[in-house]
Amino acid sequence: MGFCFFNNVAVAARHALDVRGLKRVAVVDFDVHHGNGTEDILAGDDRV
């Protein structure tokens, strides 16, 4: 939705956590539109 097909940042953040072994990553979104997809994917993941 909203011009988007895959959530590039969420894919990368999970790669850093699940593959590269980081414990905590931050995602920062300053787009004028709410990043609803990123929130949908990452909400409740206390590593993010």
ModelCIF file with pLDDT and N, C-alpha, C, O atoms, coordinates in Angstrom:
data_MODEL
#
_entry.id   MODEL 
#
_entity.id                         1 
_entity.type                       polymer 
_entity.pdbx_number_of_molecules   1 
#
_entity_poly.entity_id                      1 
_entity_poly.type                           'polypeptide(L)' 
_entity_poly.nstd_linkage                   no 
_entity_poly.nstd_monomer                   no 
_entity_poly.pdbx_seq_one_letter_code       MGFCFFNNVAVAARHALDVRGLKRVAVVDFDVHHGNGTEDILAGDDRV 
_entity_poly.pdbx_seq_one_letter_code_can   MGFCFFNNVAVAARHALDVRGLKRVAVVDFDVHHGNGTEDILAGDDRV 
_entity_poly.pdbx_strand_id                 A 
#
loop_
_entity_poly_seq.entity_id 
_entity_poly_seq.num 
_entity_poly_seq.mon_id 
_entity_poly_seq.hetero 
1 1  MET n 
1 2  GLY n 
1 3  PHE n 
1 4  CYS n 
1 5  PHE n 
1 6  PHE n 
1 7  ASN n 
1 8  ASN n 
1 9  VAL n 
1 10 ALA n 
1 11 VAL n 
1 12 ALA n 
1 13 ALA n 
1 14 ARG n 
1 15 HIS n 
1 16 ALA n 
1 17 LEU n 
1 18 ASP n 
1 19 VAL n 
1 20 ARG n 
1 21 GLY n 
1 22 LEU n 
1 23 LYS n 
1 24 ARG n 
1 25 VAL n 
1 26 ALA n 
1 27 VAL n 
1 28 VAL n 
1 29 ASP n 
1 30 PHE n 
1 31 ASP n 
1 32 VAL n 
1 33 HIS n 
1 34 HIS n 
1 35 GLY n 
1 36 ASN n 
1 37 GLY n 
1 38 THR n 
1 39 GLU n 
1 40 ASP n 
1 41 ILE n 
1 42 LEU n 
1 43 ALA n 
1 44 GLY n 
1 45 ASP n 
1 46 ASP n 
1 47 ARG n 
1 48 VAL n 
#
_struct_asym.id          A 
_struct_asym.entity_id   1 
#
loop_
_ma_qa_metric.id 
_ma_qa_metric.mode 
_ma_qa_metric.name 
_ma_qa_metric.software_group_id 
_ma_qa_metric.type 
1 global pLDDT . pLDDT 
2 local  pLDDT . pLDDT 
#
_ma_qa_metric_global.metric_id      1 
_ma_qa_metric_global.metric_value   98.48 
_ma_qa_metric_global.model_id       1 
_ma_qa_metric_global.ordinal_id     1 
#
loop_
_ma_qa_metric_local.label_asym_id 
_ma_qa_metric_local.label_comp_id 
_ma_qa_metric_local.label_seq_id 
_ma_qa_metric_local.metric_id 
_ma_qa_metric_local.metric_value 
_ma_qa_metric_local.model_id 
_ma_qa_metric_local.ordinal_id 
A MET 1  2 98.00 1 1  
A GLY 2  2 98.00 1 2  
A PHE 3  2 98.00 1 3  
A CYS 4  2 98.00 1 4  
A PHE 5  2 98.00 1 5  
A PHE 6  2 99.00 1 6  
A ASN 7  2 99.00 1 7  
A ASN 8  2 99.00 1 8  
A VAL 9  2 99.00 1 9  
A ALA 10 2 99.00 1 10 
A VAL 11 2 99.00 1 11 
A ALA 12 2 99.00 1 12 
A ALA 13 2 99.00 1 13 
A ARG 14 2 99.00 1 14 
A HIS 15 2 99.00 1 15 
A ALA 16 2 99.00 1 16 
A LEU 17 2 99.00 1 17 
A ASP 18 2 98.00 1 18 
A VAL 19 2 98.00 1 19 
A ARG 20 2 98.00 1 20 
A GLY 21 2 98.00 1 21 
A LEU 22 2 98.00 1 22 
A LYS 23 2 98.00 1 23 
A ARG 24 2 98.00 1 24 
A VAL 25 2 99.00 1 25 
A ALA 26 2 99.00 1 26 
A VAL 27 2 99.00 1 27 
A VAL 28 2 99.00 1 28 
A ASP 29 2 99.00 1 29 
A PHE 30 2 98.00 1 30 
A ASP 31 2 99.00 1 31 
A VAL 32 2 99.00 1 32 
A HIS 33 2 98.00 1 33 
A HIS 34 2 98.00 1 34 
A GLY 35 2 98.00 1 35 
A ASN 36 2 98.00 1 36 
A GLY 37 2 98.00 1 37 
A THR 38 2 99.00 1 38 
A GLU 39 2 99.00 1 39 
A ASP 40 2 98.00 1 40 
A ILE 41 2 99.00 1 41 
A LEU 42 2 98.00 1 42 
A ALA 43 2 98.00 1 43 
A GLY 44 2 98.00 1 44 
A ASP 45 2 98.00 1 45 
A ASP 46 2 98.00 1 46 
A ARG 47 2 98.00 1 47 
A VAL 48 2 99.00 1 48 
#
loop_
_atom_site.group_PDB 
_atom_site.id 
_atom_site.type_symbol 
_atom_site.label_atom_id 
_atom_site.label_alt_id 
_atom_site.label_comp_id 
_atom_site.label_asym_id 
_atom_site.label_entity_id 
_atom_site.label_seq_id 
_atom_site.pdbx_PDB_ins_code 
_atom_site.Cartn_x 
_atom_site.Cartn_y 
_atom_site.Cartn_z 
_atom_site.occupancy 
_atom_site.B_iso_or_equiv 
_atom_site.pdbx_formal_charge 
_atom_site.auth_seq_id 
_atom_site.auth_comp_id 
_atom_site.auth_asym_id 
_atom_site.auth_atom_id 
_atom_site.pdbx_PDB_model_num 
ATOM 1   N N  . MET A 1 1  ? 0.843  -1.191  0.000  1.00 98.00 ? 1  MET A N  1 
ATOM 2   C CA . MET A 1 1  ? 0.000  0.000   0.000  1.00 98.00 ? 1  MET A CA 1 
ATOM 3   C C  . MET A 1 1  ? 0.882  1.246   0.000  1.00 98.00 ? 1  MET A C  1 
ATOM 4   O O  . MET A 1 1  ? 2.075  1.171   0.296  1.00 98.00 ? 1  MET A O  1 
ATOM 5   N N  . GLY A 1 2  ? 0.292  2.384   -0.331 1.00 98.00 ? 2  GLY A N  1 
ATOM 6   C CA . GLY A 1 2  ? 1.000  3.651   -0.228 1.00 98.00 ? 2  GLY A CA 1 
ATOM 7   C C  . GLY A 1 2  ? 2.303  3.712   -0.990 1.00 98.00 ? 2  GLY A C  1 
ATOM 8   O O  . GLY A 1 2  ? 3.296  4.229   -0.476 1.00 98.00 ? 2  GLY A O  1 
ATOM 9   N N  . PHE A 1 3  ? 2.320  3.188   -2.224 1.00 98.00 ? 3  PHE A N  1 
ATOM 10  C CA . PHE A 1 3  ? 3.491  3.153   -3.110 1.00 98.00 ? 3  PHE A CA 1 
ATOM 11  C C  . PHE A 1 3  ? 4.489  2.067   -2.726 1.00 98.00 ? 3  PHE A C  1 
ATOM 12  O O  . PHE A 1 3  ? 5.517  1.935   -3.390 1.00 98.00 ? 3  PHE A O  1 
ATOM 13  N N  . CYS A 1 4  ? 4.225  1.273   -1.665 1.00 98.00 ? 4  CYS A N  1 
ATOM 14  C CA . CYS A 1 4  ? 5.219  0.367   -1.084 1.00 98.00 ? 4  CYS A CA 1 
ATOM 15  C C  . CYS A 1 4  ? 4.839  -1.099  -1.290 1.00 98.00 ? 4  CYS A C  1 
ATOM 16  O O  . CYS A 1 4  ? 3.662  -1.454  -1.238 1.00 98.00 ? 4  CYS A O  1 
ATOM 17  N N  . PHE A 1 5  ? 5.835  -1.943  -1.523 1.00 98.00 ? 5  PHE A N  1 
ATOM 18  C CA . PHE A 1 5  ? 5.616  -3.376  -1.734 1.00 98.00 ? 5  PHE A CA 1 
ATOM 19  C C  . PHE A 1 5  ? 6.272  -4.216  -0.636 1.00 98.00 ? 5  PHE A C  1 
ATOM 20  O O  . PHE A 1 5  ? 5.618  -5.069  -0.036 1.00 98.00 ? 5  PHE A O  1 
ATOM 21  N N  . PHE A 1 6  ? 7.555  -3.981  -0.370 1.00 99.00 ? 6  PHE A N  1 
ATOM 22  C CA . PHE A 1 6  ? 8.243  -4.610  0.750  1.00 99.00 ? 6  PHE A CA 1 
ATOM 23  C C  . PHE A 1 6  ? 8.742  -3.512  1.688  1.00 99.00 ? 6  PHE A C  1 
ATOM 24  O O  . PHE A 1 6  ? 9.091  -2.417  1.246  1.00 99.00 ? 6  PHE A O  1 
ATOM 25  N N  . ASN A 1 7  ? 8.771  -3.814  2.981  1.00 99.00 ? 7  ASN A N  1 
ATOM 26  C CA . ASN A 1 7  ? 9.183  -2.819  3.961  1.00 99.00 ? 7  ASN A CA 1 
ATOM 27  C C  . ASN A 1 7  ? 10.696 -2.880  4.134  1.00 99.00 ? 7  ASN A C  1 
ATOM 28  O O  . ASN A 1 7  ? 11.216 -3.651  4.941  1.00 99.00 ? 7  ASN A O  1 
ATOM 29  N N  . ASN A 1 8  ? 11.387 -2.055  3.362  1.00 99.00 ? 8  ASN A N  1 
ATOM 30  C CA . ASN A 1 8  ? 12.840 -2.144  3.261  1.00 99.00 ? 8  ASN A CA 1 
ATOM 31  C C  . ASN A 1 8  ? 13.534 -2.008  4.614  1.00 99.00 ? 8  ASN A C  1 
ATOM 32  O O  . ASN A 1 8  ? 14.426 -2.793  4.936  1.00 99.00 ? 8  ASN A O  1 
ATOM 33  N N  . VAL A 1 9  ? 13.132 -1.023  5.400  1.00 99.00 ? 9  VAL A N  1 
ATOM 34  C CA . VAL A 1 9  ? 13.780 -0.787  6.688  1.00 99.00 ? 9  VAL A CA 1 
ATOM 35  C C  . VAL A 1 9  ? 13.480 -1.907  7.675  1.00 99.00 ? 9  VAL A C  1 
ATOM 36  O O  . VAL A 1 9  ? 14.370 -2.331  8.413  1.00 99.00 ? 9  VAL A O  1 
ATOM 37  N N  . ALA A 1 10 ? 12.244 -2.393  7.703  1.00 99.00 ? 10 ALA A N  1 
ATOM 38  C CA . ALA A 1 10 ? 11.912 -3.489  8.617  1.00 99.00 ? 10 ALA A CA 1 
ATOM 39  C C  . ALA A 1 10 ? 12.682 -4.758  8.251  1.00 99.00 ? 10 ALA A C  1 
ATOM 40  O O  . ALA A 1 10 ? 13.152 -5.475  9.134  1.00 99.00 ? 10 ALA A O  1 
ATOM 41  N N  . VAL A 1 11 ? 12.812 -5.035  6.951  1.00 99.00 ? 11 VAL A N  1 
ATOM 42  C CA . VAL A 1 11 ? 13.598 -6.184  6.506  1.00 99.00 ? 11 VAL A CA 1 
ATOM 43  C C  . VAL A 1 11 ? 15.038 -6.057  7.002  1.00 99.00 ? 11 VAL A C  1 
ATOM 44  O O  . VAL A 1 11 ? 15.616 -7.025  7.495  1.00 99.00 ? 11 VAL A O  1 
ATOM 45  N N  . ALA A 1 12 ? 15.612 -4.866  6.871  1.00 99.00 ? 12 ALA A N  1 
ATOM 46  C CA . ALA A 1 12 ? 17.001 -4.658  7.285  1.00 99.00 ? 12 ALA A CA 1 
ATOM 47  C C  . ALA A 1 12 ? 17.166 -4.738  8.794  1.00 99.00 ? 12 ALA A C  1 
ATOM 48  O O  . ALA A 1 12 ? 18.134 -5.317  9.288  1.00 99.00 ? 12 ALA A O  1 
ATOM 49  N N  . ALA A 1 13 ? 16.225 -4.158  9.524  1.00 99.00 ? 13 ALA A N  1 
ATOM 50  C CA . ALA A 1 13 ? 16.319 -4.192  10.997 1.00 99.00 ? 13 ALA A CA 1 
ATOM 51  C C  . ALA A 1 13 ? 16.264 -5.623  11.514 1.00 99.00 ? 13 ALA A C  1 
ATOM 52  O O  . ALA A 1 13 ? 17.022 -5.994  12.410 1.00 99.00 ? 13 ALA A O  1 
ATOM 53  N N  . ARG A 1 14 ? 15.376 -6.419  10.953 1.00 99.00 ? 14 ARG A N  1 
ATOM 54  C CA . ARG A 1 14 ? 15.286 -7.818  11.384 1.00 99.00 ? 14 ARG A CA 1 
ATOM 55  C C  . ARG A 1 14 ? 16.529 -8.604  10.957 1.00 99.00 ? 14 ARG A C  1 
ATOM 56  O O  . ARG A 1 14 ? 16.946 -9.522  11.663 1.00 99.00 ? 14 ARG A O  1 
ATOM 57  N N  . HIS A 1 15 ? 17.116 -8.261  9.831  1.00 99.00 ? 15 HIS A N  1 
ATOM 58  C CA . HIS A 1 15 ? 18.368 -8.902  9.421  1.00 99.00 ? 15 HIS A CA 1 
ATOM 59  C C  . HIS A 1 15 ? 19.461 -8.610  10.447 1.00 99.00 ? 15 HIS A C  1 
ATOM 60  O O  . HIS A 1 15 ? 20.216 -9.502  10.833 1.00 99.00 ? 15 HIS A O  1 
ATOM 61  N N  . ALA A 1 16 ? 19.540 -7.354  10.883 1.00 99.00 ? 16 ALA A N  1 
ATOM 62  C CA . ALA A 1 16 ? 20.552 -6.995  11.885 1.00 99.00 ? 16 ALA A CA 1 
ATOM 63  C C  . ALA A 1 16 ? 20.366 -7.767  13.176 1.00 99.00 ? 16 ALA A C  1 
ATOM 64  O O  . ALA A 1 16 ? 21.339 -8.162  13.817 1.00 99.00 ? 16 ALA A O  1 
ATOM 65  N N  . LEU A 1 17 ? 19.116 -7.981  13.556 1.00 99.00 ? 17 LEU A N  1 
ATOM 66  C CA . LEU A 1 17 ? 18.814 -8.678  14.812 1.00 99.00 ? 17 LEU A CA 1 
ATOM 67  C C  . LEU A 1 17 ? 18.930 -10.192 14.665 1.00 99.00 ? 17 LEU A C  1 
ATOM 68  O O  . LEU A 1 17 ? 19.615 -10.842 15.455 1.00 99.00 ? 17 LEU A O  1 
ATOM 69  N N  . ASP A 1 18 ? 18.276 -10.745 13.677 1.00 98.00 ? 18 ASP A N  1 
ATOM 70  C CA . ASP A 1 18 ? 18.130 -12.200 13.575 1.00 98.00 ? 18 ASP A CA 1 
ATOM 71  C C  . ASP A 1 18 ? 19.316 -12.889 12.921 1.00 98.00 ? 18 ASP A C  1 
ATOM 72  O O  . ASP A 1 18 ? 19.598 -14.052 13.210 1.00 98.00 ? 18 ASP A O  1 
ATOM 73  N N  . VAL A 1 19 ? 20.016 -12.176 12.037 1.00 98.00 ? 19 VAL A N  1 
ATOM 74  C CA . VAL A 1 19 ? 21.139 -12.783 11.327 1.00 98.00 ? 19 VAL A CA 1 
ATOM 75  C C  . VAL A 1 19 ? 22.468 -12.299 11.885 1.00 98.00 ? 19 VAL A C  1 
ATOM 76  O O  . VAL A 1 19 ? 23.380 -13.097 12.099 1.00 98.00 ? 19 VAL A O  1 
ATOM 77  N N  . ARG A 1 20 ? 22.582 -11.002 12.120 1.00 98.00 ? 20 ARG A N  1 
ATOM 78  C CA . ARG A 1 20 ? 23.854 -10.432 12.538 1.00 98.00 ? 20 ARG A CA 1 
ATOM 79  C C  . ARG A 1 20 ? 24.019 -10.348 14.056 1.00 98.00 ? 20 ARG A C  1 
ATOM 80  O O  . ARG A 1 20 ? 25.094 -9.996  14.542 1.00 98.00 ? 20 ARG A O  1 
ATOM 81  N N  . GLY A 1 21 ? 22.965 -10.668 14.805 1.00 98.00 ? 21 GLY A N  1 
ATOM 82  C CA . GLY A 1 21 ? 23.102 -10.855 16.239 1.00 98.00 ? 21 GLY A CA 1 
ATOM 83  C C  . GLY A 1 21 ? 23.075 -9.610  17.096 1.00 98.00 ? 21 GLY A C  1 
ATOM 84  O O  . GLY A 1 21 ? 23.454 -9.671  18.266 1.00 98.00 ? 21 GLY A O  1 
ATOM 85  N N  . LEU A 1 22 ? 22.636 -8.470  16.552 1.00 98.00 ? 22 LEU A N  1 
ATOM 86  C CA . LEU A 1 22 ? 22.500 -7.299  17.406 1.00 98.00 ? 22 LEU A CA 1 
ATOM 87  C C  . LEU A 1 22 ? 21.371 -7.510  18.408 1.00 98.00 ? 22 LEU A C  1 
ATOM 88  O O  . LEU A 1 22 ? 20.440 -8.277  18.161 1.00 98.00 ? 22 LEU A O  1 
ATOM 89  N N  . LYS A 1 23 ? 21.467 -6.823  19.533 1.00 98.00 ? 23 LYS A N  1 
ATOM 90  C CA . LYS A 1 23 ? 20.466 -6.964  20.591 1.00 98.00 ? 23 LYS A CA 1 
ATOM 91  C C  . LYS A 1 23 ? 19.416 -5.857  20.564 1.00 98.00 ? 23 LYS A C  1 
ATOM 92  O O  . LYS A 1 23 ? 18.269 -6.071  20.957 1.00 98.00 ? 23 LYS A O  1 
ATOM 93  N N  . ARG A 1 24 ? 19.811 -4.676  20.098 1.00 98.00 ? 24 ARG A N  1 
ATOM 94  C CA . ARG A 1 24 ? 18.904 -3.516  20.116 1.00 98.00 ? 24 ARG A CA 1 
ATOM 95  C C  . ARG A 1 24 ? 19.164 -2.660  18.884 1.00 98.00 ? 24 ARG A C  1 
ATOM 96  O O  . ARG A 1 24 ? 20.304 -2.282  18.616 1.00 98.00 ? 24 ARG A O  1 
ATOM 97  N N  . VAL A 1 25 ? 18.111 -2.356  18.135 1.00 99.00 ? 25 VAL A N  1 
ATOM 98  C CA . VAL A 1 25 ? 18.222 -1.412  17.020 1.00 99.00 ? 25 VAL A CA 1 
ATOM 99  C C  . VAL A 1 25 ? 17.098 -0.394  17.120 1.00 99.00 ? 25 VAL A C  1 
ATOM 100 O O  . VAL A 1 25 ? 16.011 -0.697  17.612 1.00 99.00 ? 25 VAL A O  1 
ATOM 101 N N  . ALA A 1 26 ? 17.370 0.811   16.651 1.00 99.00 ? 26 ALA A N  1 
ATOM 102 C CA . ALA A 1 26 ? 16.360 1.864   16.589 1.00 99.00 ? 26 ALA A CA 1 
ATOM 103 C C  . ALA A 1 26 ? 15.956 2.087   15.139 1.00 99.00 ? 26 ALA A C  1 
ATOM 104 O O  . ALA A 1 26 ? 16.786 2.032   14.232 1.00 99.00 ? 26 ALA A O  1 
ATOM 105 N N  . VAL A 1 27 ? 14.673 2.338   14.938 1.00 99.00 ? 27 VAL A N  1 
ATOM 106 C CA . VAL A 1 27 ? 14.143 2.739   13.638 1.00 99.00 ? 27 VAL A CA 1 
ATOM 107 C C  . VAL A 1 27 ? 13.590 4.152   13.798 1.00 99.00 ? 27 VAL A C  1 
ATOM 108 O O  . VAL A 1 27 ? 12.763 4.407   14.673 1.00 99.00 ? 27 VAL A O  1 
ATOM 109 N N  . VAL A 1 28 ? 14.045 5.054   12.959 1.00 99.00 ? 28 VAL A N  1 
ATOM 110 C CA . VAL A 1 28 ? 13.643 6.459   13.002 1.00 99.00 ? 28 VAL A CA 1 
ATOM 111 C C  . VAL A 1 28 ? 12.949 6.797   11.696 1.00 99.00 ? 28 VAL A C  1 
ATOM 112 O O  . VAL A 1 28 ? 13.482 6.520   10.622 1.00 99.00 ? 28 VAL A O  1 
ATOM 113 N N  . ASP A 1 29 ? 11.761 7.394   11.775 1.00 99.00 ? 29 ASP A N  1 
ATOM 114 C CA . ASP A 1 29 ? 10.972 7.701   10.579 1.00 99.00 ? 29 ASP A CA 1 
ATOM 115 C C  . ASP A 1 29 ? 10.547 9.159   10.635 1.00 99.00 ? 29 ASP A C  1 
ATOM 116 O O  . ASP A 1 29 ? 9.760  9.546   11.499 1.00 99.00 ? 29 ASP A O  1 
ATOM 117 N N  . PHE A 1 30 ? 11.078 9.988   9.698  1.00 98.00 ? 30 PHE A N  1 
ATOM 118 C CA . PHE A 1 30 ? 10.671 11.393  9.665  1.00 98.00 ? 30 PHE A CA 1 
ATOM 119 C C  . PHE A 1 30 ? 9.922  11.754  8.389  1.00 98.00 ? 30 PHE A C  1 
ATOM 120 O O  . PHE A 1 30 ? 9.838  12.929  8.030  1.00 98.00 ? 30 PHE A O  1 
ATOM 121 N N  . ASP A 1 31 ? 9.377  10.751  7.702  1.00 99.00 ? 31 ASP A N  1 
ATOM 122 C CA . ASP A 1 31 ? 8.497  10.994  6.566  1.00 99.00 ? 31 ASP A CA 1 
ATOM 123 C C  . ASP A 1 31 ? 7.252  11.761  7.034  1.00 99.00 ? 31 ASP A C  1 
ATOM 124 O O  . ASP A 1 31 ? 6.860  11.655  8.196  1.00 99.00 ? 31 ASP A O  1 
ATOM 125 N N  . VAL A 1 32 ? 6.634  12.531  6.134  1.00 99.00 ? 32 VAL A N  1 
ATOM 126 C CA . VAL A 1 32 ? 5.432  13.278  6.517  1.00 99.00 ? 32 VAL A CA 1 
ATOM 127 C C  . VAL A 1 32 ? 4.257  12.353  6.825  1.00 99.00 ? 32 VAL A C  1 
ATOM 128 O O  . VAL A 1 32 ? 3.323  12.740  7.526  1.00 99.00 ? 32 VAL A O  1 
ATOM 129 N N  . HIS A 1 33 ? 4.309  11.123  6.293  1.00 98.00 ? 33 HIS A N  1 
ATOM 130 C CA . HIS A 1 33 ? 3.246  10.143  6.524  1.00 98.00 ? 33 HIS A CA 1 
ATOM 131 C C  . HIS A 1 33 ? 3.686  9.138   7.599  1.00 98.00 ? 33 HIS A C  1 
ATOM 132 O O  . HIS A 1 33 ? 4.858  8.769   7.678  1.00 98.00 ? 33 HIS A O  1 
ATOM 133 N N  . HIS A 1 34 ? 2.738  8.711   8.410  1.00 98.00 ? 34 HIS A N  1 
ATOM 134 C CA . HIS A 1 34 ? 3.032  7.705   9.431  1.00 98.00 ? 34 HIS A CA 1 
ATOM 135 C C  . HIS A 1 34 ? 3.497  6.404   8.793  1.00 98.00 ? 34 HIS A C  1 
ATOM 136 O O  . HIS A 1 34 ? 2.899  5.931   7.827  1.00 98.00 ? 34 HIS A O  1 
ATOM 137 N N  . GLY A 1 35 ? 4.561  5.831   9.334  1.00 98.00 ? 35 GLY A N  1 
ATOM 138 C CA . GLY A 1 35 ? 5.082  4.549   8.845  1.00 98.00 ? 35 GLY A CA 1 
ATOM 139 C C  . GLY A 1 35 ? 4.295  3.391   9.413  1.00 98.00 ? 35 GLY A C  1 
ATOM 140 O O  . GLY A 1 35 ? 4.798  2.620   10.230 1.00 98.00 ? 35 GLY A O  1 
ATOM 141 N N  . ASN A 1 36 ? 3.049  3.277   8.972  1.00 98.00 ? 36 ASN A N  1 
ATOM 142 C CA . ASN A 1 36 ? 2.138  2.272   9.526  1.00 98.00 ? 36 ASN A CA 1 
ATOM 143 C C  . ASN A 1 36 ? 2.614  0.848   9.286  1.00 98.00 ? 36 ASN A C  1 
ATOM 144 O O  . ASN A 1 36 ? 2.414  -0.030  10.126 1.00 98.00 ? 36 ASN A O  1 
ATOM 145 N N  . GLY A 1 37 ? 3.243  0.621   8.143  1.00 98.00 ? 37 GLY A N  1 
ATOM 146 C CA . GLY A 1 37 ? 3.718  -0.723  7.852  1.00 98.00 ? 37 GLY A CA 1 
ATOM 147 C C  . GLY A 1 37 ? 4.846  -1.138  8.777  1.00 98.00 ? 37 GLY A C  1 
ATOM 148 O O  . GLY A 1 37 ? 4.860  -2.260  9.284  1.00 98.00 ? 37 GLY A O  1 
ATOM 149 N N  . THR A 1 38 ? 5.789  -0.239  8.997  1.00 99.00 ? 38 THR A N  1 
ATOM 150 C CA . THR A 1 38 ? 6.893  -0.528  9.909  1.00 99.00 ? 38 THR A CA 1 
ATOM 151 C C  . THR A 1 38 ? 6.367  -0.779  11.313 1.00 99.00 ? 38 THR A C  1 
ATOM 152 O O  . THR A 1 38 ? 6.821  -1.700  11.992 1.00 99.00 ? 38 THR A O  1 
ATOM 153 N N  . GLU A 1 39 ? 5.415  0.033   11.750 1.00 99.00 ? 39 GLU A N  1 
ATOM 154 C CA . GLU A 1 39 ? 4.828  -0.177  13.072 1.00 99.00 ? 39 GLU A CA 1 
ATOM 155 C C  . GLU A 1 39 ? 4.113  -1.524  13.137 1.00 99.00 ? 39 GLU A C  1 
ATOM 156 O O  . GLU A 1 39 ? 4.234  -2.242  14.129 1.00 99.00 ? 39 GLU A O  1 
ATOM 157 N N  . ASP A 1 40 ? 3.374  -1.870  12.092 1.00 98.00 ? 40 ASP A N  1 
ATOM 158 C CA . ASP A 1 40 ? 2.663  -3.148  12.056 1.00 98.00 ? 40 ASP A CA 1 
ATOM 159 C C  . ASP A 1 40 ? 3.625  -4.321  12.233 1.00 98.00 ? 40 ASP A C  1 
ATOM 160 O O  . ASP A 1 40 ? 3.316  -5.285  12.932 1.00 98.00 ? 40 ASP A O  1 
ATOM 161 N N  . ILE A 1 41 ? 4.781  -4.233  11.603 1.00 99.00 ? 41 ILE A N  1 
ATOM 162 C CA . ILE A 1 41 ? 5.743  -5.335  11.634 1.00 99.00 ? 41 ILE A CA 1 
ATOM 163 C C  . ILE A 1 41 ? 6.523  -5.377  12.944 1.00 99.00 ? 41 ILE A C  1 
ATOM 164 O O  . ILE A 1 41 ? 6.789  -6.458  13.469 1.00 99.00 ? 41 ILE A O  1 
ATOM 165 N N  . LEU A 1 42 ? 6.888  -4.223  13.472 1.00 98.00 ? 42 LEU A N  1 
ATOM 166 C CA . LEU A 1 42 ? 7.842  -4.170  14.590 1.00 98.00 ? 42 LEU A CA 1 
ATOM 167 C C  . LEU A 1 42 ? 7.213  -3.902  15.947 1.00 98.00 ? 42 LEU A C  1 
ATOM 168 O O  . LEU A 1 42 ? 7.895  -4.035  16.963 1.00 98.00 ? 42 LEU A O  1 
ATOM 169 N N  . ALA A 1 43 ? 5.943  -3.533  16.004 1.00 98.00 ? 43 ALA A N  1 
ATOM 170 C CA . ALA A 1 43 ? 5.305  -3.255  17.294 1.00 98.00 ? 43 ALA A CA 1 
ATOM 171 C C  . ALA A 1 43 ? 5.371  -4.491  18.185 1.00 98.00 ? 43 ALA A C  1 
ATOM 172 O O  . ALA A 1 43 ? 5.053  -5.600  17.754 1.00 98.00 ? 43 ALA A O  1 
ATOM 173 N N  . GLY A 1 44 ? 5.786  -4.287  19.423 1.00 98.00 ? 44 GLY A N  1 
ATOM 174 C CA . GLY A 1 44 ? 5.872  -5.382  20.372 1.00 98.00 ? 44 GLY A CA 1 
ATOM 175 C C  . GLY A 1 44 ? 7.197  -6.120  20.371 1.00 98.00 ? 44 GLY A C  1 
ATOM 176 O O  . GLY A 1 44 ? 7.426  -6.958  21.243 1.00 98.00 ? 44 GLY A O  1 
ATOM 177 N N  . ASP A 1 45 ? 8.074  -5.837  19.425 1.00 98.00 ? 45 ASP A N  1 
ATOM 178 C CA . ASP A 1 45 ? 9.414  -6.446  19.398 1.00 98.00 ? 45 ASP A CA 1 
ATOM 179 C C  . ASP A 1 45 ? 10.315 -5.587  20.285 1.00 98.00 ? 45 ASP A C  1 
ATOM 180 O O  . ASP A 1 45 ? 10.737 -4.506  19.875 1.00 98.00 ? 45 ASP A O  1 
ATOM 181 N N  . ASP A 1 46 ? 10.611 -6.058  21.492 1.00 98.00 ? 46 ASP A N  1 
ATOM 182 C CA . ASP A 1 46 ? 11.330 -5.222  22.444 1.00 98.00 ? 46 ASP A CA 1 
ATOM 183 C C  . ASP A 1 46 ? 12.809 -5.061  22.102 1.00 98.00 ? 46 ASP A C  1 
ATOM 184 O O  . ASP A 1 46 ? 13.540 -4.374  22.815 1.00 98.00 ? 46 ASP A O  1 
ATOM 185 N N  . ARG A 1 47 ? 13.245 -5.683  21.026 1.00 98.00 ? 47 ARG A N  1 
ATOM 186 C CA . ARG A 1 47 ? 14.607 -5.451  20.537 1.00 98.00 ? 47 ARG A CA 1 
ATOM 187 C C  . ARG A 1 47 ? 14.683 -4.189  19.683 1.00 98.00 ? 47 ARG A C  1 
ATOM 188 O O  . ARG A 1 47 ? 15.770 -3.744  19.316 1.00 98.00 ? 47 ARG A O  1 
ATOM 189 N N  . VAL A 1 48 ? 13.519 -3.616  19.368 1.00 99.00 ? 48 VAL A N  1 
ATOM 190 C CA . VAL A 1 48 ? 13.434 -2.465  18.469 1.00 99.00 ? 48 VAL A CA 1 
ATOM 191 C C  . VAL A 1 48 ? 12.758 -1.312  19.192 1.00 99.00 ? 48 VAL A C  1 
ATOM 192 O O  . VAL A 1 48 ? 12.583 -0.239  18.616 1.00 99.00 ? 48 VAL A O  1 
#
